[in-house]
Amino acid sequence: MYSVDFLNAQDKAELQRIALADFGEELKPALTQEQMINQLIKFQGGEPETGGTVPVDPSANRPEVLEEAEGASEPSEQKYKVTIFEEKGESPYVDVAVNGRALRIRRGSEVVIAERFVNVLRNSVQVIHEPTEKDGKVTMIEKSVPRFNIVAEPVK
């Protein structure tokens, strides 16, 4: 999720790049910088006021971009609606990074993210140890299990 302060610090070319890379939307070059920022706020689920920008609701269901390397965006990539379910004792956020691009996703919220981030979540595993009894002895067996409980469906 981009803050208004962050968006205000970007030039028009960067705002257009953000719109295309993160939301799959193209901003018209004739728009003013303020109009572009208002459009990006709408893409994030916020409601800009006429004649100005407003802060994006912090509870908006958008992943927060943590950092991005040069050339890390792939706008033609398939997008997915994803929910990472909340787990007792776990952080309310999940950080996911791929090739210089990092997102912070709030657990329990449905967000739209690129396929590469979904693949990281699906392929993340953790090792647990299960007690197993064999011949009267209890031993611990290592077992790989999915790290995140997620639901992901393609956006059409």
Protein backbone atom coordinates (compact mmCIF):
# COMPACT_ATOMS: atom_id res chain seq x y z
CA MET A 1 0.00 0.00 0.00
CA TYR A 2 1.41 3.36 -0.98
CA SER A 3 1.04 6.33 1.34
CA VAL A 4 0.02 9.75 0.02
CA ASP A 5 3.39 11.14 1.15
CA PHE A 6 5.21 8.50 -0.88
CA LEU A 7 3.05 9.14 -3.97
CA ASN A 8 3.50 12.91 -3.68
CA ALA A 9 7.28 12.43 -3.80
CA GLN A 10 7.11 10.60 -7.16
CA ASP A 11 7.22 12.17 -10.62
CA LYS A 12 4.54 11.47 -13.25
CA ALA A 13 6.60 8.80 -15.03
CA GLU A 14 7.08 6.88 -11.77
CA LEU A 15 3.36 7.16 -10.94
CA GLN A 16 2.54 5.69 -14.36
CA ARG A 17 5.02 2.86 -13.77
CA ILE A 18 3.49 2.07 -10.35
CA ALA A 19 -0.04 2.02 -11.81
CA LEU A 20 0.94 -0.39 -14.57
CA ALA A 21 3.22 -2.65 -12.53
CA ASP A 22 1.12 -2.97 -9.37
CA PHE A 23 -2.44 -2.50 -10.54
CA GLY A 24 -2.32 -3.40 -14.25
CA GLU A 25 -3.80 0.00 -15.06
CA GLU A 26 -2.46 2.63 -17.42
CA LEU A 27 -2.73 6.28 -16.40
CA LYS A 28 -3.40 8.83 -19.13
CA PRO A 29 -0.32 11.03 -19.70
CA ALA A 30 -2.57 14.12 -19.88
CA LEU A 31 -3.53 13.75 -16.18
CA THR A 32 -1.94 16.09 -13.69
CA GLN A 33 0.26 14.61 -10.97
CA GLU A 34 -2.52 15.19 -8.43
CA GLN A 35 -5.04 13.37 -10.64
CA MET A 36 -2.62 10.46 -11.03
CA ILE A 37 -2.19 10.23 -7.26
CA ASN A 38 -5.97 10.25 -6.81
CA GLN A 39 -6.26 7.40 -9.34
CA LEU A 40 -3.63 5.37 -7.49
CA ILE A 41 -5.48 5.95 -4.22
CA LYS A 42 -8.65 4.63 -5.88
CA PHE A 43 -6.76 1.56 -7.13
CA GLN A 44 -5.73 0.91 -3.51
CA GLY A 45 -9.32 1.10 -2.33
CA GLY A 46 -9.22 4.65 -0.94
CA GLU A 47 -11.55 7.53 -1.78
CA PRO A 48 -9.88 10.79 -2.82
CA GLU A 49 -11.72 14.05 -2.26
CA THR A 50 -12.38 16.44 -5.11
CA GLY A 51 -9.45 18.80 -5.58
CA GLY A 52 -7.03 16.96 -3.30
CA THR A 53 -5.67 13.71 -2.04
CA VAL A 54 -6.58 11.90 1.15
CA PRO A 55 -4.65 9.36 3.16
CA VAL A 56 -5.33 5.76 2.21
CA ASP A 57 -7.30 3.83 4.80
CA PRO A 58 -4.68 1.72 6.65
CA SER A 59 -7.11 -1.20 6.73
CA ALA A 60 -7.38 -1.21 2.91
CA ASN A 61 -6.72 -4.69 1.60
CA ARG A 62 -3.57 -4.04 -0.40
CA PRO A 63 -0.09 -5.42 0.06
CA GLU A 64 2.46 -2.86 1.18
CA VAL A 65 5.49 -2.52 -1.10
CA LEU A 66 8.54 -2.74 1.14
CA GLU A 67 11.28 -2.27 -1.45
CA GLU A 68 11.85 -2.69 -5.14
CA ALA A 69 14.96 -3.24 -7.24
CA GLU A 70 15.42 -1.63 -10.64
CA GLY A 71 13.47 -3.54 -13.31
CA ALA A 72 11.72 -5.83 -10.79
CA SER A 73 8.20 -5.28 -12.14
CA GLU A 74 6.46 -7.49 -14.69
CA PRO A 75 3.09 -5.87 -15.50
CA SER A 76 1.89 -8.68 -17.80
CA GLU A 77 2.05 -11.23 -14.99
CA GLN A 78 -1.12 -13.07 -13.88
CA LYS A 79 -2.66 -11.58 -10.72
CA TYR A 80 -4.28 -13.60 -7.92
CA LYS A 81 -6.71 -12.81 -5.09
CA VAL A 82 -5.00 -14.23 -2.02
CA THR A 83 -5.94 -14.61 1.63
CA ILE A 84 -3.32 -15.73 4.13
CA PHE A 85 -5.23 -16.98 7.14
CA GLU A 86 -4.44 -15.71 10.61
CA GLU A 87 -2.62 -18.08 12.92
CA LYS A 88 -2.44 -17.87 16.68
CA GLY A 89 0.95 -16.67 17.87
CA GLU A 90 2.04 -15.45 14.42
CA SER A 91 2.70 -11.92 13.22
CA PRO A 92 -0.32 -10.19 11.65
CA TYR A 93 1.86 -9.58 8.56
CA VAL A 94 3.70 -11.83 6.12
CA ASP A 95 6.69 -10.43 4.23
CA VAL A 96 7.27 -11.93 0.78
CA ALA A 97 10.17 -11.06 -1.53
CA VAL A 98 11.02 -12.10 -5.09
CA ASN A 99 13.88 -10.77 -7.23
CA GLY A 100 14.32 -7.47 -5.41
CA ARG A 101 10.61 -6.80 -4.88
CA ALA A 102 9.22 -7.12 -1.34
CA LEU A 103 5.61 -6.98 -0.15
CA ARG A 104 4.04 -6.98 3.32
CA ILE A 105 0.65 -8.70 3.36
CA ARG A 106 -1.80 -8.49 6.27
CA ARG A 107 -3.07 -11.88 7.37
CA GLY A 108 -6.83 -12.35 7.09
CA SER A 109 -7.22 -9.77 4.30
CA GLU A 110 -7.88 -10.57 0.66
CA VAL A 111 -5.22 -8.92 -1.50
CA VAL A 112 -4.38 -8.97 -5.20
CA ILE A 113 -0.76 -9.90 -5.89
CA ALA A 114 1.35 -11.12 -8.79
CA GLU A 115 1.73 -14.84 -9.49
CA ARG A 116 5.40 -14.89 -8.46
CA PHE A 117 4.47 -13.92 -4.88
CA VAL A 118 1.73 -16.57 -4.81
CA ASN A 119 4.30 -19.18 -5.88
CA VAL A 120 6.59 -18.18 -3.00
CA LEU A 121 3.72 -18.53 -0.52
CA ARG A 122 2.65 -21.90 -1.97
CA ASN A 123 6.21 -23.27 -1.98
CA SER A 124 7.15 -22.06 1.51
CA VAL A 125 7.53 -24.97 3.91
CA GLN A 126 8.51 -25.43 7.51
CA VAL A 127 9.97 -28.52 9.13
CA ILE A 128 8.11 -30.01 12.06
CA HIS A 129 9.05 -32.99 14.20
CA GLU A 130 6.40 -35.63 14.81
CA PRO A 131 6.78 -38.29 17.46
CA THR A 132 6.54 -41.79 16.00
CA GLU A 133 6.51 -45.03 17.94
CA LYS A 134 8.30 -47.99 16.44
CA ASP A 135 9.22 -51.19 18.28
CA GLY A 136 8.35 -49.58 21.62
CA LYS A 137 10.66 -46.61 20.99
CA VAL A 138 9.48 -43.07 20.39
CA THR A 139 11.49 -41.20 17.77
CA MET A 140 11.03 -37.83 16.15
CA ILE A 141 10.48 -37.79 12.40
CA GLU A 142 11.12 -34.62 10.38
CA LYS A 143 8.25 -33.64 8.15
CA SER A 144 7.94 -30.69 5.73
CA VAL A 145 4.56 -28.97 5.84
CA PRO A 146 3.19 -25.82 4.14
CA ARG A 147 4.27 -22.67 6.01
CA PHE A 148 1.17 -20.61 5.18
CA ASN A 149 -2.49 -21.51 5.08
CA ILE A 150 -3.61 -19.63 1.96
CA VAL A 151 -6.40 -19.46 -0.58
CA ALA A 152 -5.46 -18.12 -4.02
CA GLU A 153 -7.62 -17.69 -7.11
CA PRO A 154 -6.71 -16.05 -10.42
CA VAL A 155 -8.11 -12.60 -11.18
CA LYS A 156 -9.85 -12.56 -14.54
